[in-house]
Amino acid sequence: ENHKVRIGIFGKDAPGKKDVVIEAVLAPNHAVVGR
């Protein structure tokens, strides 16, 4: 918000006002595990 930087990946801008920020646990035994 304060320094005009981009956080993380897969996004071009900072989270917008209408965006929601969540913390989520990666489900076990799913195909994304190990990637």
PDB file of all heavy atoms in Angstrom:
ATOM      1  N   GLU A   1       0.809  -1.215   0.000  1.00  0.00           N
ATOM      2  CA  GLU A   1       0.000   0.000   0.000  1.00  0.00           C
ATOM      3  C   GLU A   1       0.840   1.263   0.000  1.00  0.00           C
ATOM      4  O   GLU A   1       0.495   2.256  -0.664  1.00  0.00           O
ATOM      5  CB  GLU A   1      -0.919  -0.006   1.227  1.00  0.00           C
ATOM      6  CG  GLU A   1      -1.835   1.205   1.313  1.00  0.00           C
ATOM      7  CD  GLU A   1      -2.751   1.132   2.516  1.00  0.00           C
ATOM      8  OE1 GLU A   1      -2.833   0.041   3.141  1.00  0.00           O
ATOM      9  OE2 GLU A   1      -3.379   2.143   2.843  1.00  0.00           O
ATOM     10  N   ASN A   2       1.960   1.258   0.718  1.00  0.00           N
ATOM     11  CA  ASN A   2       2.702   2.498   0.954  1.00  0.00           C
ATOM     12  C   ASN A   2       3.887   2.743   0.035  1.00  0.00           C
ATOM     13  O   ASN A   2       4.336   3.881  -0.095  1.00  0.00           O
ATOM     14  CB  ASN A   2       3.197   2.536   2.404  1.00  0.00           C
ATOM     15  CG  ASN A   2       2.047   2.568   3.389  1.00  0.00           C
ATOM     16  OD1 ASN A   2       0.933   2.909   3.033  1.00  0.00           O
ATOM     17  ND2 ASN A   2       2.325   2.207   4.629  1.00  0.00           N
ATOM     18  N   HIS A   3       4.392   1.697  -0.580  1.00  0.00           N
ATOM     19  CA  HIS A   3       5.669   1.876  -1.277  1.00  0.00           C
ATOM     20  C   HIS A   3       5.600   1.552  -2.763  1.00  0.00           C
ATOM     21  O   HIS A   3       6.620   1.457  -3.422  1.00  0.00           O
ATOM     22  CB  HIS A   3       6.749   1.004  -0.622  1.00  0.00           C
ATOM     23  CG  HIS A   3       7.008   1.370   0.809  1.00  0.00           C
ATOM     24  ND1 HIS A   3       7.643   2.529   1.185  1.00  0.00           N
ATOM     25  CD2 HIS A   3       6.698   0.723   1.966  1.00  0.00           C
ATOM     26  CE1 HIS A   3       7.735   2.586   2.506  1.00  0.00           C
ATOM     27  NE2 HIS A   3       7.161   1.500   3.002  1.00  0.00           N
ATOM     28  N   LYS A   4       4.403   1.331  -3.302  1.00  0.00           N
ATOM     29  CA  LYS A   4       4.236   1.074  -4.733  1.00  0.00           C
ATOM     30  C   LYS A   4       5.116  -0.083  -5.197  1.00  0.00           C
ATOM     31  O   LYS A   4       5.871   0.035  -6.160  1.00  0.00           O
ATOM     32  CB  LYS A   4       4.539   2.337  -5.538  1.00  0.00           C
ATOM     33  CG  LYS A   4       3.583   3.485  -5.237  1.00  0.00           C
ATOM     34  CD  LYS A   4       3.927   4.718  -6.056  1.00  0.00           C
ATOM     35  CE  LYS A   4       2.979   5.856  -5.722  1.00  0.00           C
ATOM     36  NZ  LYS A   4       3.299   7.097  -6.482  1.00  0.00           N
ATOM     37  N   VAL A   5       4.999  -1.163  -4.492  1.00  0.00           N
ATOM     38  CA  VAL A   5       5.704  -2.383  -4.867  1.00  0.00           C
ATOM     39  C   VAL A   5       4.673  -3.488  -5.080  1.00  0.00           C
ATOM     40  O   VAL A   5       3.520  -3.365  -4.647  1.00  0.00           O
ATOM     41  CB  VAL A   5       6.722  -2.817  -3.791  1.00  0.00           C
ATOM     42  CG1 VAL A   5       7.834  -1.802  -3.643  1.00  0.00           C
ATOM     43  CG2 VAL A   5       6.031  -3.044  -2.452  1.00  0.00           C
ATOM     44  N   ARG A   6       5.073  -4.534  -5.737  1.00  0.00           N
ATOM     45  CA  ARG A   6       4.186  -5.679  -5.938  1.00  0.00           C
ATOM     46  C   ARG A   6       4.628  -6.807  -5.016  1.00  0.00           C
ATOM     47  O   ARG A   6       5.816  -7.100  -4.915  1.00  0.00           O
ATOM     48  CB  ARG A   6       4.231  -6.135  -7.406  1.00  0.00           C
ATOM     49  CG  ARG A   6       3.371  -7.364  -7.698  1.00  0.00           C
ATOM     50  CD  ARG A   6       3.110  -7.488  -9.194  1.00  0.00           C
ATOM     51  NE  ARG A   6       4.331  -7.564  -9.960  1.00  0.00           N
ATOM     52  CZ  ARG A   6       4.986  -8.694 -10.240  1.00  0.00           C
ATOM     53  NH1 ARG A   6       4.531  -9.849  -9.768  1.00  0.00           N
ATOM     54  NH2 ARG A   6       6.076  -8.677 -10.966  1.00  0.00           N
ATOM     55  N   ILE A   7       3.664  -7.422  -4.342  1.00  0.00           N
ATOM     56  CA  ILE A   7       3.947  -8.486  -3.386  1.00  0.00           C
ATOM     57  C   ILE A   7       3.599  -9.831  -4.012  1.00  0.00           C
ATOM     58  O   ILE A   7       2.516  -9.986  -4.584  1.00  0.00           O
ATOM     59  CB  ILE A   7       3.139  -8.299  -2.093  1.00  0.00           C
ATOM     60  CG1 ILE A   7       3.390  -6.913  -1.493  1.00  0.00           C
ATOM     61  CG2 ILE A   7       3.490  -9.381  -1.075  1.00  0.00           C
ATOM     62  CD1 ILE A   7       4.812  -6.677  -1.092  1.00  0.00           C
ATOM     63  N   GLY A   8       4.484 -10.800  -3.885  1.00  0.00           N
ATOM     64  CA  GLY A   8       4.194 -12.154  -4.339  1.00  0.00           C
ATOM     65  C   GLY A   8       4.211 -12.283  -5.841  1.00  0.00           C
ATOM     66  O   GLY A   8       4.899 -11.544  -6.549  1.00  0.00           O
ATOM     67  N   ILE A   9       3.414 -13.251  -6.347  1.00  0.00           N
ATOM     68  CA  ILE A   9       3.399 -13.512  -7.785  1.00  0.00           C
ATOM     69  C   ILE A   9       1.955 -13.640  -8.265  1.00  0.00           C
ATOM     70  O   ILE A   9       1.019 -13.678  -7.475  1.00  0.00           O
ATOM     71  CB  ILE A   9       4.187 -14.789  -8.148  1.00  0.00           C
ATOM     72  CG1 ILE A   9       3.564 -16.013  -7.455  1.00  0.00           C
ATOM     73  CG2 ILE A   9       5.632 -14.654  -7.759  1.00  0.00           C
ATOM     74  CD1 ILE A   9       4.246 -17.305  -7.867  1.00  0.00           C
ATOM     75  N   PHE A  10       1.797 -13.718  -9.586  1.00  0.00           N
ATOM     76  CA  PHE A  10       0.508 -13.847 -10.258  1.00  0.00           C
ATOM     77  C   PHE A  10      -0.355 -12.597 -10.115  1.00  0.00           C
ATOM     78  O   PHE A  10      -1.556 -12.663 -10.271  1.00  0.00           O
ATOM     79  CB  PHE A  10      -0.289 -15.066  -9.771  1.00  0.00           C
ATOM     80  CG  PHE A  10       0.436 -16.362  -9.947  1.00  0.00           C
ATOM     81  CD1 PHE A  10       0.667 -17.187  -8.874  1.00  0.00           C
ATOM     82  CD2 PHE A  10       0.883 -16.744 -11.186  1.00  0.00           C
ATOM     83  CE1 PHE A  10       1.330 -18.388  -9.034  1.00  0.00           C
ATOM     84  CE2 PHE A  10       1.552 -17.938 -11.372  1.00  0.00           C
ATOM     85  CZ  PHE A  10       1.775 -18.766 -10.290  1.00  0.00           C
ATOM     86  N   GLY A  11       0.232 -11.479  -9.834  1.00  0.00           N
ATOM     87  CA  GLY A  11      -0.542 -10.239  -9.745  1.00  0.00           C
ATOM     88  C   GLY A  11       0.280  -9.077 -10.264  1.00  0.00           C
ATOM     89  O   GLY A  11       1.489  -9.022 -10.070  1.00  0.00           O
ATOM     90  N   LYS A  12      -0.382  -8.124 -10.943  1.00  0.00           N
ATOM     91  CA  LYS A  12       0.336  -6.985 -11.503  1.00  0.00           C
ATOM     92  C   LYS A  12       0.342  -5.789 -10.555  1.00  0.00           C
ATOM     93  O   LYS A  12       1.204  -4.931 -10.642  1.00  0.00           O
ATOM     94  CB  LYS A  12      -0.309  -6.572 -12.832  1.00  0.00           C
ATOM     95  CG  LYS A  12      -0.210  -7.646 -13.907  1.00  0.00           C
ATOM     96  CD  LYS A  12      -0.857  -7.174 -15.203  1.00  0.00           C
ATOM     97  CE  LYS A  12      -0.749  -8.239 -16.285  1.00  0.00           C
ATOM     98  NZ  LYS A  12      -1.379  -7.815 -17.563  1.00  0.00           N
ATOM     99  N   ASP A  13      -0.631  -5.714  -9.691  1.00  0.00           N
ATOM    100  CA  ASP A  13      -0.766  -4.553  -8.812  1.00  0.00           C
ATOM    101  C   ASP A  13      -0.973  -5.004  -7.375  1.00  0.00           C
ATOM    102  O   ASP A  13      -1.123  -6.183  -7.087  1.00  0.00           O
ATOM    103  CB  ASP A  13      -1.944  -3.681  -9.254  1.00  0.00           C
ATOM    104  CG  ASP A  13      -1.811  -3.245 -10.704  1.00  0.00           C
ATOM    105  OD1 ASP A  13      -0.791  -2.619 -11.031  1.00  0.00           O
ATOM    106  OD2 ASP A  13      -2.726  -3.549 -11.488  1.00  0.00           O
ATOM    107  N   ALA A  14      -1.002  -4.015  -6.483  1.00  0.00           N
ATOM    108  CA  ALA A  14      -1.336  -4.310  -5.090  1.00  0.00           C
ATOM    109  C   ALA A  14      -2.798  -4.716  -5.004  1.00  0.00           C
ATOM    110  O   ALA A  14      -3.600  -4.349  -5.857  1.00  0.00           O
ATOM    111  CB  ALA A  14      -1.073  -3.079  -4.221  1.00  0.00           C
ATOM    112  N   PRO A  15      -3.171  -5.477  -3.976  1.00  0.00           N
ATOM    113  CA  PRO A  15      -4.590  -5.847  -3.806  1.00  0.00           C
ATOM    114  C   PRO A  15      -5.479  -4.611  -3.784  1.00  0.00           C
ATOM    115  O   PRO A  15      -5.193  -3.630  -3.112  1.00  0.00           O
ATOM    116  CB  PRO A  15      -4.595  -6.568  -2.446  1.00  0.00           C
ATOM    117  CG  PRO A  15      -3.209  -7.106  -2.295  1.00  0.00           C
ATOM    118  CD  PRO A  15      -2.315  -6.098  -2.949  1.00  0.00           C
ATOM    119  N   GLY A  16      -6.576  -4.644  -4.557  1.00  0.00           N
ATOM    120  CA  GLY A  16      -7.479  -3.515  -4.654  1.00  0.00           C
ATOM    121  C   GLY A  16      -8.414  -3.425  -3.458  1.00  0.00           C
ATOM    122  O   GLY A  16      -8.466  -4.307  -2.608  1.00  0.00           O
ATOM    123  N   LYS A  17      -9.192  -2.343  -3.428  1.00  0.00           N
ATOM    124  CA  LYS A  17     -10.096  -2.121  -2.304  1.00  0.00           C
ATOM    125  C   LYS A  17     -11.175  -3.195  -2.219  1.00  0.00           C
ATOM    126  O   LYS A  17     -11.680  -3.496  -1.145  1.00  0.00           O
ATOM    127  CB  LYS A  17     -10.746  -0.735  -2.420  1.00  0.00           C
ATOM    128  CG  LYS A  17      -9.749   0.418  -2.246  1.00  0.00           C
ATOM    129  CD  LYS A  17     -10.455   1.751  -2.331  1.00  0.00           C
ATOM    130  CE  LYS A  17      -9.467   2.893  -2.118  1.00  0.00           C
ATOM    131  NZ  LYS A  17     -10.134   4.224  -2.223  1.00  0.00           N
ATOM    132  N   LYS A  18     -11.559  -3.736  -3.375  1.00  0.00           N
ATOM    133  CA  LYS A  18     -12.606  -4.757  -3.395  1.00  0.00           C
ATOM    134  C   LYS A  18     -12.045  -6.174  -3.236  1.00  0.00           C
ATOM    135  O   LYS A  18     -12.806  -7.134  -3.213  1.00  0.00           O
ATOM    136  CB  LYS A  18     -13.411  -4.657  -4.695  1.00  0.00           C
ATOM    137  CG  LYS A  18     -14.196  -3.350  -4.831  1.00  0.00           C
ATOM    138  CD  LYS A  18     -15.040  -3.352  -6.099  1.00  0.00           C
ATOM    139  CE  LYS A  18     -15.835  -2.063  -6.218  1.00  0.00           C
ATOM    140  NZ  LYS A  18     -16.670  -2.048  -7.451  1.00  0.00           N
ATOM    141  N   ASP A  19     -10.734  -6.295  -3.133  1.00  0.00           N
ATOM    142  CA  ASP A  19     -10.116  -7.609  -2.964  1.00  0.00           C
ATOM    143  C   ASP A  19     -10.211  -8.054  -1.511  1.00  0.00           C
ATOM    144  O   ASP A  19     -10.244  -7.222  -0.590  1.00  0.00           O
ATOM    145  CB  ASP A  19      -8.652  -7.587  -3.397  1.00  0.00           C
ATOM    146  CG  ASP A  19      -8.503  -7.524  -4.909  1.00  0.00           C
ATOM    147  OD1 ASP A  19      -9.491  -7.816  -5.599  1.00  0.00           O
ATOM    148  OD2 ASP A  19      -7.413  -7.167  -5.388  1.00  0.00           O
ATOM    149  N   VAL A  20     -10.232  -9.360  -1.330  1.00  0.00           N
ATOM    150  CA  VAL A  20     -10.242  -9.961  -0.006  1.00  0.00           C
ATOM    151  C   VAL A  20      -8.923 -10.696   0.181  1.00  0.00           C
ATOM    152  O   VAL A  20      -8.419 -11.337  -0.744  1.00  0.00           O
ATOM    153  CB  VAL A  20     -11.420 -10.944   0.142  1.00  0.00           C
ATOM    154  CG1 VAL A  20     -11.345 -11.685   1.467  1.00  0.00           C
ATOM    155  CG2 VAL A  20     -12.740 -10.199   0.025  1.00  0.00           C
ATOM    156  N   VAL A  21      -8.339 -10.588   1.362  1.00  0.00           N
ATOM    157  CA  VAL A  21      -7.102 -11.297   1.672  1.00  0.00           C
ATOM    158  C   VAL A  21      -7.433 -12.436   2.634  1.00  0.00           C
ATOM    159  O   VAL A  21      -8.064 -12.208   3.667  1.00  0.00           O
ATOM    160  CB  VAL A  21      -6.048 -10.365   2.303  1.00  0.00           C
ATOM    161  CG1 VAL A  21      -4.780 -11.142   2.639  1.00  0.00           C
ATOM    162  CG2 VAL A  21      -5.732  -9.211   1.359  1.00  0.00           C
ATOM    163  N   ILE A  22      -7.027 -13.641   2.294  1.00  0.00           N
ATOM    164  CA  ILE A  22      -7.301 -14.795   3.145  1.00  0.00           C
ATOM    165  C   ILE A  22      -6.021 -15.579   3.381  1.00  0.00           C
ATOM    166  O   ILE A  22      -5.057 -15.484   2.610  1.00  0.00           O
ATOM    167  CB  ILE A  22      -8.363 -15.745   2.538  1.00  0.00           C
ATOM    168  CG1 ILE A  22      -7.822 -16.421   1.278  1.00  0.00           C
ATOM    169  CG2 ILE A  22      -9.662 -15.018   2.262  1.00  0.00           C
ATOM    170  CD1 ILE A  22      -8.681 -17.568   0.790  1.00  0.00           C
ATOM    171  N   GLU A  23      -6.012 -16.313   4.474  1.00  0.00           N
ATOM    172  CA  GLU A  23      -4.978 -17.309   4.721  1.00  0.00           C
ATOM    173  C   GLU A  23      -5.628 -18.673   4.569  1.00  0.00           C
ATOM    174  O   GLU A  23      -6.659 -18.954   5.186  1.00  0.00           O
ATOM    175  CB  GLU A  23      -4.386 -17.146   6.118  1.00  0.00           C
ATOM    176  CG  GLU A  23      -3.638 -15.835   6.299  1.00  0.00           C
ATOM    177  CD  GLU A  23      -3.067 -15.684   7.699  1.00  0.00           C
ATOM    178  OE1 GLU A  23      -2.938 -16.714   8.389  1.00  0.00           O
ATOM    179  OE2 GLU A  23      -2.772 -14.548   8.099  1.00  0.00           O
ATOM    180  N   ALA A  24      -5.061 -19.515   3.738  1.00  0.00           N
ATOM    181  CA  ALA A  24      -5.692 -20.798   3.426  1.00  0.00           C
ATOM    182  C   ALA A  24      -4.668 -21.914   3.519  1.00  0.00           C
ATOM    183  O   ALA A  24      -3.497 -21.731   3.181  1.00  0.00           O
ATOM    184  CB  ALA A  24      -6.298 -20.764   2.032  1.00  0.00           C
ATOM    185  N   VAL A  25      -5.102 -23.062   3.993  1.00  0.00           N
ATOM    186  CA  VAL A  25      -4.237 -24.228   4.135  1.00  0.00           C
ATOM    187  C   VAL A  25      -4.320 -25.071   2.876  1.00  0.00           C
ATOM    188  O   VAL A  25      -5.410 -25.311   2.344  1.00  0.00           O
ATOM    189  CB  VAL A  25      -4.651 -25.070   5.360  1.00  0.00           C
ATOM    190  CG1 VAL A  25      -3.818 -26.337   5.459  1.00  0.00           C
ATOM    191  CG2 VAL A  25      -4.499 -24.242   6.628  1.00  0.00           C
ATOM    192  N   LEU A  26      -3.173 -25.510   2.385  1.00  0.00           N
ATOM    193  CA  LEU A  26      -3.135 -26.373   1.210  1.00  0.00           C
ATOM    194  C   LEU A  26      -3.671 -27.744   1.585  1.00  0.00           C
ATOM    195  O   LEU A  26      -3.178 -28.394   2.508  1.00  0.00           O
ATOM    196  CB  LEU A  26      -1.698 -26.491   0.692  1.00  0.00           C
ATOM    197  CG  LEU A  26      -1.512 -27.272  -0.608  1.00  0.00           C
ATOM    198  CD1 LEU A  26      -2.204 -26.554  -1.761  1.00  0.00           C
ATOM    199  CD2 LEU A  26      -0.034 -27.450  -0.908  1.00  0.00           C
ATOM    200  N   ALA A  27      -4.712 -28.187   0.891  1.00  0.00           N
ATOM    201  CA  ALA A  27      -5.331 -29.471   1.195  1.00  0.00           C
ATOM    202  C   ALA A  27      -4.341 -30.611   0.969  1.00  0.00           C
ATOM    203  O   ALA A  27      -3.562 -30.589   0.020  1.00  0.00           O
ATOM    204  CB  ALA A  27      -6.565 -29.679   0.321  1.00  0.00           C
ATOM    205  N   PRO A  28      -4.334 -31.630   1.846  1.00  0.00           N
ATOM    206  CA  PRO A  28      -3.392 -32.736   1.679  1.00  0.00           C
ATOM    207  C   PRO A  28      -3.756 -33.621   0.498  1.00  0.00           C
ATOM    208  O   PRO A  28      -4.908 -33.717   0.099  1.00  0.00           O
ATOM    209  CB  PRO A  28      -3.541 -33.516   2.995  1.00  0.00           C
ATOM    210  CG  PRO A  28      -4.905 -33.178   3.475  1.00  0.00           C
ATOM    211  CD  PRO A  28      -5.164 -31.773   3.040  1.00  0.00           C
ATOM    212  N   ASN A  29      -2.726 -34.292  -0.054  1.00  0.00           N
ATOM    213  CA  ASN A  29      -2.918 -35.267  -1.130  1.00  0.00           C
ATOM    214  C   ASN A  29      -3.539 -34.671  -2.383  1.00  0.00           C
ATOM    215  O   ASN A  29      -4.196 -35.352  -3.149  1.00  0.00           O
ATOM    216  CB  ASN A  29      -3.772 -36.441  -0.651  1.00  0.00           C
ATOM    217  CG  ASN A  29      -3.077 -37.217   0.437  1.00  0.00           C
ATOM    218  OD1 ASN A  29      -1.861 -37.306   0.454  1.00  0.00           O
ATOM    219  ND2 ASN A  29      -3.848 -37.775   1.350  1.00  0.00           N
ATOM    220  N   HIS A  30      -3.345 -33.397  -2.597  1.00  0.00           N
ATOM    221  CA  HIS A  30      -3.865 -32.808  -3.821  1.00  0.00           C
ATOM    222  C   HIS A  30      -2.767 -32.753  -4.877  1.00  0.00           C
ATOM    223  O   HIS A  30      -1.587 -32.832  -4.570  1.00  0.00           O
ATOM    224  CB  HIS A  30      -4.411 -31.398  -3.546  1.00  0.00           C
ATOM    225  CG  HIS A  30      -5.304 -30.899  -4.644  1.00  0.00           C
ATOM    226  ND1 HIS A  30      -4.823 -30.300  -5.768  1.00  0.00           N
ATOM    227  CD2 HIS A  30      -6.647 -30.951  -4.795  1.00  0.00           C
ATOM    228  CE1 HIS A  30      -5.829 -29.979  -6.558  1.00  0.00           C
ATOM    229  NE2 HIS A  30      -6.949 -30.367  -5.989  1.00  0.00           N
ATOM    230  N   ALA A  31      -3.177 -32.604  -6.120  1.00  0.00           N
ATOM    231  CA  ALA A  31      -2.220 -32.659  -7.232  1.00  0.00           C
ATOM    232  C   ALA A  31      -1.181 -31.541  -7.182  1.00  0.00           C
ATOM    233  O   ALA A  31      -0.122 -31.660  -7.788  1.00  0.00           O
ATOM    234  CB  ALA A  31      -2.976 -32.599  -8.563  1.00  0.00           C
ATOM    235  N   VAL A  32      -1.456 -30.426  -6.482  1.00  0.00           N
ATOM    236  CA  VAL A  32      -0.495 -29.322  -6.450  1.00  0.00           C
ATOM    237  C   VAL A  32       0.656 -29.581  -5.485  1.00  0.00           C
ATOM    238  O   VAL A  32       1.673 -28.898  -5.539  1.00  0.00           O
ATOM    239  CB  VAL A  32      -1.190 -28.000  -6.078  1.00  0.00           C
ATOM    240  CG1 VAL A  32      -2.273 -27.670  -7.067  1.00  0.00           C
ATOM    241  CG2 VAL A  32      -1.742 -28.048  -4.677  1.00  0.00           C
ATOM    242  N   VAL A  33       0.500 -30.547  -4.595  1.00  0.00           N
ATOM    243  CA  VAL A  33       1.552 -30.829  -3.625  1.00  0.00           C
ATOM    244  C   VAL A  33       2.798 -31.303  -4.359  1.00  0.00           C
ATOM    245  O   VAL A  33       2.745 -32.181  -5.218  1.00  0.00           O
ATOM    246  CB  VAL A  33       1.082 -31.893  -2.615  1.00  0.00           C
ATOM    247  CG1 VAL A  33       2.227 -32.331  -1.731  1.00  0.00           C
ATOM    248  CG2 VAL A  33      -0.064 -31.356  -1.771  1.00  0.00           C
ATOM    249  N   GLY A  34       3.935 -30.707  -4.014  1.00  0.00           N
ATOM    250  CA  GLY A  34       5.191 -31.064  -4.653  1.00  0.00           C
ATOM    251  C   GLY A  34       5.535 -30.182  -5.841  1.00  0.00           C
ATOM    252  O   GLY A  34       6.657 -30.241  -6.354  1.00  0.00           O
ATOM    253  N   ARG A  35       4.588 -29.360  -6.295  1.00  0.00           N
ATOM    254  CA  ARG A  35       4.859 -28.476  -7.435  1.00  0.00           C
ATOM    255  C   ARG A  35       5.431 -27.148  -6.955  1.00  0.00           C
ATOM    256  O   ARG A  35       5.151 -26.698  -5.852  1.00  0.00           O
ATOM    257  CB  ARG A  35       3.577 -28.233  -8.225  1.00  0.00           C
ATOM    258  CG  ARG A  35       3.045 -29.475  -8.921  1.00  0.00           C
ATOM    259  CD  ARG A  35       1.688 -29.241  -9.549  1.00  0.00           C
ATOM    260  NE  ARG A  35       1.698 -28.174 -10.535  1.00  0.00           N
ATOM    261  CZ  ARG A  35       0.615 -27.775 -11.200  1.00  0.00           C
ATOM    262  NH1 ARG A  35      -0.544 -28.353 -10.961  1.00  0.00           N
ATOM    263  NH2 ARG A  35       0.693 -26.800 -12.078  1.00  0.00           N
TER     264      ARG A  35
END
